[in-house]
Amino acid sequence: MQGGVAINFNPNITINHAPGTNHLVIMKEEFLVNRLANIRQSLKTRTVALAAGVMLASLIPSLVSASSTAALVDTQAPTAPTNLKFTSGNSTSLSMKWEAASDNVGVVAYEIYRTNYGVLAGVVSGSTLTFTDTGLNPGTPYSYSVKAVDADGNRSGWSNPIGITLPNS
């Protein structure tokens, strides 16, 4: 505004005064109007959802009981993978395989640990029963074990451990 005064209270409200007049012009961005509309709509939606939930709870109490919701949480760990063994390797990599674990809900991943259960070497999907560890050091001993993981994060016990010393290059 030329020759006038503009006062900004925040990015959304500006008060302008034109020179030679006694008029103040208050300008609001659409942001405030839209924000209030969004808040009103959100409150309406929550009110309808709450009313529907109360009605459902009064009609079908067994659906909202604590015992029925507790059954939805899986606390059972998968069985441990079995028969872990090396399938091939060279001075810098090792390949291995194992037999599938089982779970009441389903195995979603296998975690492969190196060096006496201490280092997570890799993770594969629950349908993959093989793993190749690369970038290893020639002439170094390595040991491995595998754990199964279900969708709720329950982990099995350890598979059988296996160990090998890589050949020198």
C-alpha atoms as a PDB file:
ATOM      1  CA  MET A   1       0.000   0.000   0.000  1.00  0.00           C
ATOM      2  CA  GLN A   2       1.532   3.343  -1.006  1.00  0.00           C
ATOM      3  CA  GLY A   3       1.638   6.061   1.640  1.00  0.00           C
ATOM      4  CA  GLY A   4      -0.577   4.095   3.996  1.00  0.00           C
ATOM      5  CA  VAL A   5       0.059   1.980   7.021  1.00  0.00           C
ATOM      6  CA  ALA A   6      -0.228  -1.814   7.007  1.00  0.00           C
ATOM      7  CA  ILE A   7      -0.067  -3.771  10.239  1.00  0.00           C
ATOM      8  CA  ASN A   8       0.351  -7.563  10.074  1.00  0.00           C
ATOM      9  CA  PHE A   9      -0.716  -9.407  13.217  1.00  0.00           C
ATOM     10  CA  ASN A  10       0.137 -12.795  11.786  1.00  0.00           C
ATOM     11  CA  PRO A  11       0.279 -14.284   8.303  1.00  0.00           C
ATOM     12  CA  ASN A  12      -3.522 -14.469   8.189  1.00  0.00           C
ATOM     13  CA  ILE A  13      -4.748 -11.012   9.325  1.00  0.00           C
ATOM     14  CA  THR A  14      -3.681  -7.606   7.968  1.00  0.00           C
ATOM     15  CA  ILE A  15      -5.067  -4.166   8.899  1.00  0.00           C
ATOM     16  CA  ASN A  16      -4.575  -1.467   6.252  1.00  0.00           C
ATOM     17  CA  HIS A  17      -5.116   2.303   6.598  1.00  0.00           C
ATOM     18  CA  ALA A  18      -5.376   4.369   3.436  1.00  0.00           C
ATOM     19  CA  PRO A  19      -3.907   7.900   3.684  1.00  0.00           C
ATOM     20  CA  GLY A  20      -6.415  10.769   3.898  1.00  0.00           C
ATOM     21  CA  THR A  21      -9.282   8.532   5.088  1.00  0.00           C
ATOM     22  CA  ASN A  22     -10.738   7.412   8.356  1.00  0.00           C
ATOM     23  CA  HIS A  23     -11.213   3.852   7.098  1.00  0.00           C
ATOM     24  CA  LEU A  24      -9.498   0.752   8.347  1.00  0.00           C
ATOM     25  CA  VAL A  25      -9.644  -2.289   6.123  1.00  0.00           C
ATOM     26  CA  ILE A  26      -9.284  -5.630   7.846  1.00  0.00           C
ATOM     27  CA  MET A  27      -8.313  -8.378   5.446  1.00  0.00           C
ATOM     28  CA  LYS A  28      -8.520 -12.044   6.398  1.00  0.00           C
ATOM     29  CA  GLU A  29      -7.180 -14.748   4.197  1.00  0.00           C
ATOM     30  CA  GLU A  30      -9.416 -17.605   3.219  1.00  0.00           C
ATOM     31  CA  PHE A  31      -7.192 -19.759   5.408  1.00  0.00           C
ATOM     32  CA  LEU A  32      -9.103 -18.811   8.584  1.00  0.00           C
ATOM     33  CA  VAL A  33     -12.511 -19.314   7.026  1.00  0.00           C
ATOM     34  CA  ASN A  34     -11.516 -22.692   5.604  1.00  0.00           C
ATOM     35  CA  ARG A  35      -9.934 -23.771   8.875  1.00  0.00           C
ATOM     36  CA  LEU A  36     -13.146 -23.026  10.824  1.00  0.00           C
ATOM     37  CA  ALA A  37     -15.176 -24.938   8.237  1.00  0.00           C
ATOM     38  CA  ASN A  38     -12.830 -27.935   8.579  1.00  0.00           C
ATOM     39  CA  ILE A  39     -13.085 -27.861  12.373  1.00  0.00           C
ATOM     40  CA  ARG A  40     -16.898 -27.749  12.207  1.00  0.00           C
ATOM     41  CA  GLN A  41     -16.988 -30.686   9.774  1.00  0.00           C
ATOM     42  CA  SER A  42     -14.580 -32.689  11.948  1.00  0.00           C
ATOM     43  CA  LEU A  43     -16.764 -32.141  15.021  1.00  0.00           C
ATOM     44  CA  LYS A  44     -19.883 -33.209  13.103  1.00  0.00           C
ATOM     45  CA  THR A  45     -18.141 -36.378  11.894  1.00  0.00           C
ATOM     46  CA  ARG A  46     -16.937 -37.247  15.386  1.00  0.00           C
ATOM     47  CA  THR A  47     -20.409 -36.663  16.849  1.00  0.00           C
ATOM     48  CA  VAL A  48     -22.007 -39.001  14.297  1.00  0.00           C
ATOM     49  CA  ALA A  49     -19.314 -41.653  14.876  1.00  0.00           C
ATOM     50  CA  LEU A  50     -19.768 -41.424  18.646  1.00  0.00           C
ATOM     51  CA  ALA A  51     -23.550 -41.733  18.333  1.00  0.00           C
ATOM     52  CA  ALA A  52     -23.172 -44.764  16.041  1.00  0.00           C
ATOM     53  CA  GLY A  53     -20.699 -46.357  18.454  1.00  0.00           C
ATOM     54  CA  VAL A  54     -23.019 -45.870  21.438  1.00  0.00           C
ATOM     55  CA  MET A  55     -25.936 -47.340  19.491  1.00  0.00           C
ATOM     56  CA  LEU A  56     -23.852 -50.341  18.371  1.00  0.00           C
ATOM     57  CA  ALA A  57     -22.612 -50.915  21.914  1.00  0.00           C
ATOM     58  CA  SER A  58     -26.180 -50.990  23.224  1.00  0.00           C
ATOM     59  CA  LEU A  59     -27.359 -53.377  20.500  1.00  0.00           C
ATOM     60  CA  ILE A  60     -24.445 -55.848  20.458  1.00  0.00           C
ATOM     61  CA  PRO A  61     -22.563 -55.801  23.780  1.00  0.00           C
ATOM     62  CA  SER A  62     -20.451 -58.854  22.944  1.00  0.00           C
ATOM     63  CA  LEU A  63     -18.717 -57.019  20.095  1.00  0.00           C
ATOM     64  CA  VAL A  64     -17.289 -54.383  22.394  1.00  0.00           C
ATOM     65  CA  SER A  65     -16.471 -56.531  25.409  1.00  0.00           C
ATOM     66  CA  ALA A  66     -12.919 -56.634  26.676  1.00  0.00           C
ATOM     67  CA  SER A  67     -12.716 -60.387  26.214  1.00  0.00           C
ATOM     68  CA  SER A  68     -13.525 -60.247  22.499  1.00  0.00           C
ATOM     69  CA  THR A  69     -10.938 -57.545  21.753  1.00  0.00           C
ATOM     70  CA  ALA A  70      -8.247 -59.348  23.758  1.00  0.00           C
ATOM     71  CA  ALA A  71      -8.597 -62.377  21.478  1.00  0.00           C
ATOM     72  CA  LEU A  72      -7.455 -60.259  18.513  1.00  0.00           C
ATOM     73  CA  VAL A  73      -3.929 -59.880  19.914  1.00  0.00           C
ATOM     74  CA  ASP A  74      -1.527 -62.662  18.914  1.00  0.00           C
ATOM     75  CA  THR A  75       0.841 -63.554  21.738  1.00  0.00           C
ATOM     76  CA  GLN A  76       1.936 -66.952  20.421  1.00  0.00           C
ATOM     77  CA  ALA A  77       5.476 -67.045  19.022  1.00  0.00           C
ATOM     78  CA  PRO A  78       6.244 -69.064  15.886  1.00  0.00           C
ATOM     79  CA  THR A  79       8.132 -72.339  16.165  1.00  0.00           C
ATOM     80  CA  ALA A  80      11.871 -72.133  15.538  1.00  0.00           C
ATOM     81  CA  PRO A  81      13.118 -72.765  11.997  1.00  0.00           C
ATOM     82  CA  THR A  82      14.832 -76.125  11.662  1.00  0.00           C
ATOM     83  CA  ASN A  83      17.581 -77.832   9.669  1.00  0.00           C
ATOM     84  CA  LEU A  84      19.681 -74.712   9.035  1.00  0.00           C
ATOM     85  CA  LYS A  85      22.625 -75.602   6.805  1.00  0.00           C
ATOM     86  CA  PHE A  86      25.135 -74.051   4.408  1.00  0.00           C
ATOM     87  CA  THR A  87      24.443 -74.599   0.703  1.00  0.00           C
ATOM     88  CA  SER A  88      27.424 -72.848  -0.917  1.00  0.00           C
ATOM     89  CA  GLY A  89      30.085 -70.252  -0.353  1.00  0.00           C
ATOM     90  CA  ASN A  90      33.476 -68.849  -1.215  1.00  0.00           C
ATOM     91  CA  SER A  91      36.091 -66.752   0.559  1.00  0.00           C
ATOM     92  CA  THR A  92      33.747 -63.719   0.926  1.00  0.00           C
ATOM     93  CA  SER A  93      30.159 -65.058   0.969  1.00  0.00           C
ATOM     94  CA  LEU A  94      28.033 -67.859   2.377  1.00  0.00           C
ATOM     95  CA  SER A  95      24.615 -69.155   1.341  1.00  0.00           C
ATOM     96  CA  MET A  96      22.328 -71.079   3.655  1.00  0.00           C
ATOM     97  CA  LYS A  97      18.824 -72.535   3.819  1.00  0.00           C
ATOM     98  CA  TRP A  98      16.427 -73.804   6.487  1.00  0.00           C
ATOM     99  CA  GLU A  99      13.020 -75.410   6.875  1.00  0.00           C
ATOM    100  CA  ALA A 100       9.990 -73.212   7.549  1.00  0.00           C
ATOM    101  CA  ALA A 101       8.711 -72.323  10.980  1.00  0.00           C
ATOM    102  CA  SER A 102       4.989 -72.455  11.720  1.00  0.00           C
ATOM    103  CA  ASP A 103       2.725 -70.004  13.518  1.00  0.00           C
ATOM    104  CA  ASN A 104      -0.949 -69.779  14.452  1.00  0.00           C
ATOM    105  CA  VAL A 105      -1.290 -66.600  12.350  1.00  0.00           C
ATOM    106  CA  GLY A 106       1.637 -66.858   9.932  1.00  0.00           C
ATOM    107  CA  VAL A 107       5.356 -66.192   9.688  1.00  0.00           C
ATOM    108  CA  VAL A 108       6.073 -62.845   7.972  1.00  0.00           C
ATOM    109  CA  ALA A 109       9.879 -62.753   8.196  1.00  0.00           C
ATOM    110  CA  TYR A 110      13.039 -64.570   9.131  1.00  0.00           C
ATOM    111  CA  GLU A 111      15.914 -62.827  10.897  1.00  0.00           C
ATOM    112  CA  ILE A 112      19.356 -64.254  10.180  1.00  0.00           C
ATOM    113  CA  TYR A 113      21.952 -63.670  12.914  1.00  0.00           C
ATOM    114  CA  ARG A 114      25.719 -63.961  12.548  1.00  0.00           C
ATOM    115  CA  THR A 115      28.444 -64.507  15.145  1.00  0.00           C
ATOM    116  CA  ASN A 116      26.917 -66.313  18.109  1.00  0.00           C
ATOM    117  CA  TYR A 117      23.468 -64.695  17.850  1.00  0.00           C
ATOM    118  CA  GLY A 118      24.893 -61.178  18.151  1.00  0.00           C
ATOM    119  CA  VAL A 119      24.718 -59.471  14.747  1.00  0.00           C
ATOM    120  CA  LEU A 120      21.604 -59.248  12.599  1.00  0.00           C
ATOM    121  CA  ALA A 121      23.030 -60.162   9.183  1.00  0.00           C
ATOM    122  CA  GLY A 122      19.744 -59.852   7.285  1.00  0.00           C
ATOM    123  CA  VAL A 123      15.971 -60.223   7.135  1.00  0.00           C
ATOM    124  CA  VAL A 124      13.990 -62.078   4.464  1.00  0.00           C
ATOM    125  CA  SER A 125      10.251 -62.495   3.908  1.00  0.00           C
ATOM    126  CA  GLY A 126       8.317 -65.313   5.525  1.00  0.00           C
ATOM    127  CA  SER A 127       8.133 -67.174   2.220  1.00  0.00           C
ATOM    128  CA  THR A 128      11.911 -67.086   1.660  1.00  0.00           C
ATOM    129  CA  LEU A 129      13.907 -69.945   3.165  1.00  0.00           C
ATOM    130  CA  THR A 130      17.380 -68.969   1.934  1.00  0.00           C
ATOM    131  CA  PHE A 131      19.906 -66.234   2.639  1.00  0.00           C
ATOM    132  CA  THR A 132      23.309 -65.234   1.261  1.00  0.00           C
ATOM    133  CA  ASP A 133      25.659 -63.230   3.455  1.00  0.00           C
ATOM    134  CA  THR A 134      28.197 -61.248   1.423  1.00  0.00           C
ATOM    135  CA  GLY A 135      31.182 -59.012   2.110  1.00  0.00           C
ATOM    136  CA  LEU A 136      32.742 -61.458   4.554  1.00  0.00           C
ATOM    137  CA  ASN A 137      36.446 -61.704   5.379  1.00  0.00           C
ATOM    138  CA  PRO A 138      38.487 -64.636   3.972  1.00  0.00           C
ATOM    139  CA  GLY A 139      39.900 -67.057   6.541  1.00  0.00           C
ATOM    140  CA  THR A 140      37.405 -65.891   9.231  1.00  0.00           C
ATOM    141  CA  PRO A 141      35.121 -68.184  11.271  1.00  0.00           C
ATOM    142  CA  TYR A 142      31.386 -67.376  11.125  1.00  0.00           C
ATOM    143  CA  SER A 143      28.374 -68.860  12.892  1.00  0.00           C
ATOM    144  CA  TYR A 144      24.687 -68.374  12.077  1.00  0.00           C
ATOM    145  CA  SER A 145      21.238 -68.952  13.521  1.00  0.00           C
ATOM    146  CA  VAL A 146      17.750 -67.925  12.380  1.00  0.00           C
ATOM    147  CA  LYS A 147      14.573 -66.693  14.119  1.00  0.00           C
ATOM    148  CA  ALA A 148      11.028 -66.583  12.694  1.00  0.00           C
ATOM    149  CA  VAL A 149       8.854 -63.489  13.242  1.00  0.00           C
ATOM    150  CA  ASP A 150       5.048 -63.227  12.988  1.00  0.00           C
ATOM    151  CA  ALA A 151       2.912 -60.175  12.131  1.00  0.00           C
ATOM    152  CA  ASP A 152       2.623 -59.107  15.781  1.00  0.00           C
ATOM    153  CA  GLY A 153       6.399 -59.166  16.247  1.00  0.00           C
ATOM    154  CA  ASN A 154       6.524 -62.408  18.222  1.00  0.00           C
ATOM    155  CA  ARG A 155       9.910 -64.091  17.682  1.00  0.00           C
ATOM    156  CA  SER A 156      10.631 -67.797  17.750  1.00  0.00           C
ATOM    157  CA  GLY A 157      13.461 -69.435  19.584  1.00  0.00           C
ATOM    158  CA  TRP A 158      16.762 -69.933  17.766  1.00  0.00           C
ATOM    159  CA  SER A 159      17.187 -72.420  14.952  1.00  0.00           C
ATOM    160  CA  ASN A 160      20.043 -74.873  15.195  1.00  0.00           C
ATOM    161  CA  PRO A 161      23.355 -72.961  14.998  1.00  0.00           C
ATOM    162  CA  ILE A 162      25.846 -73.630  12.205  1.00  0.00           C
ATOM    163  CA  GLY A 163      29.446 -72.523  11.843  1.00  0.00           C
ATOM    164  CA  ILE A 164      32.213 -72.460   9.261  1.00  0.00           C
ATOM    165  CA  THR A 165      35.608 -70.895   8.638  1.00  0.00           C
ATOM    166  CA  LEU A 166      35.875 -69.273   5.219  1.00  0.00           C
ATOM    167  CA  PRO A 167      38.799 -70.300   3.006  1.00  0.00           C
ATOM    168  CA  ASN A 168      41.564 -67.799   2.313  1.00  0.00           C
ATOM    169  CA  SER A 169      41.295 -66.207  -1.110  1.00  0.00           C
END
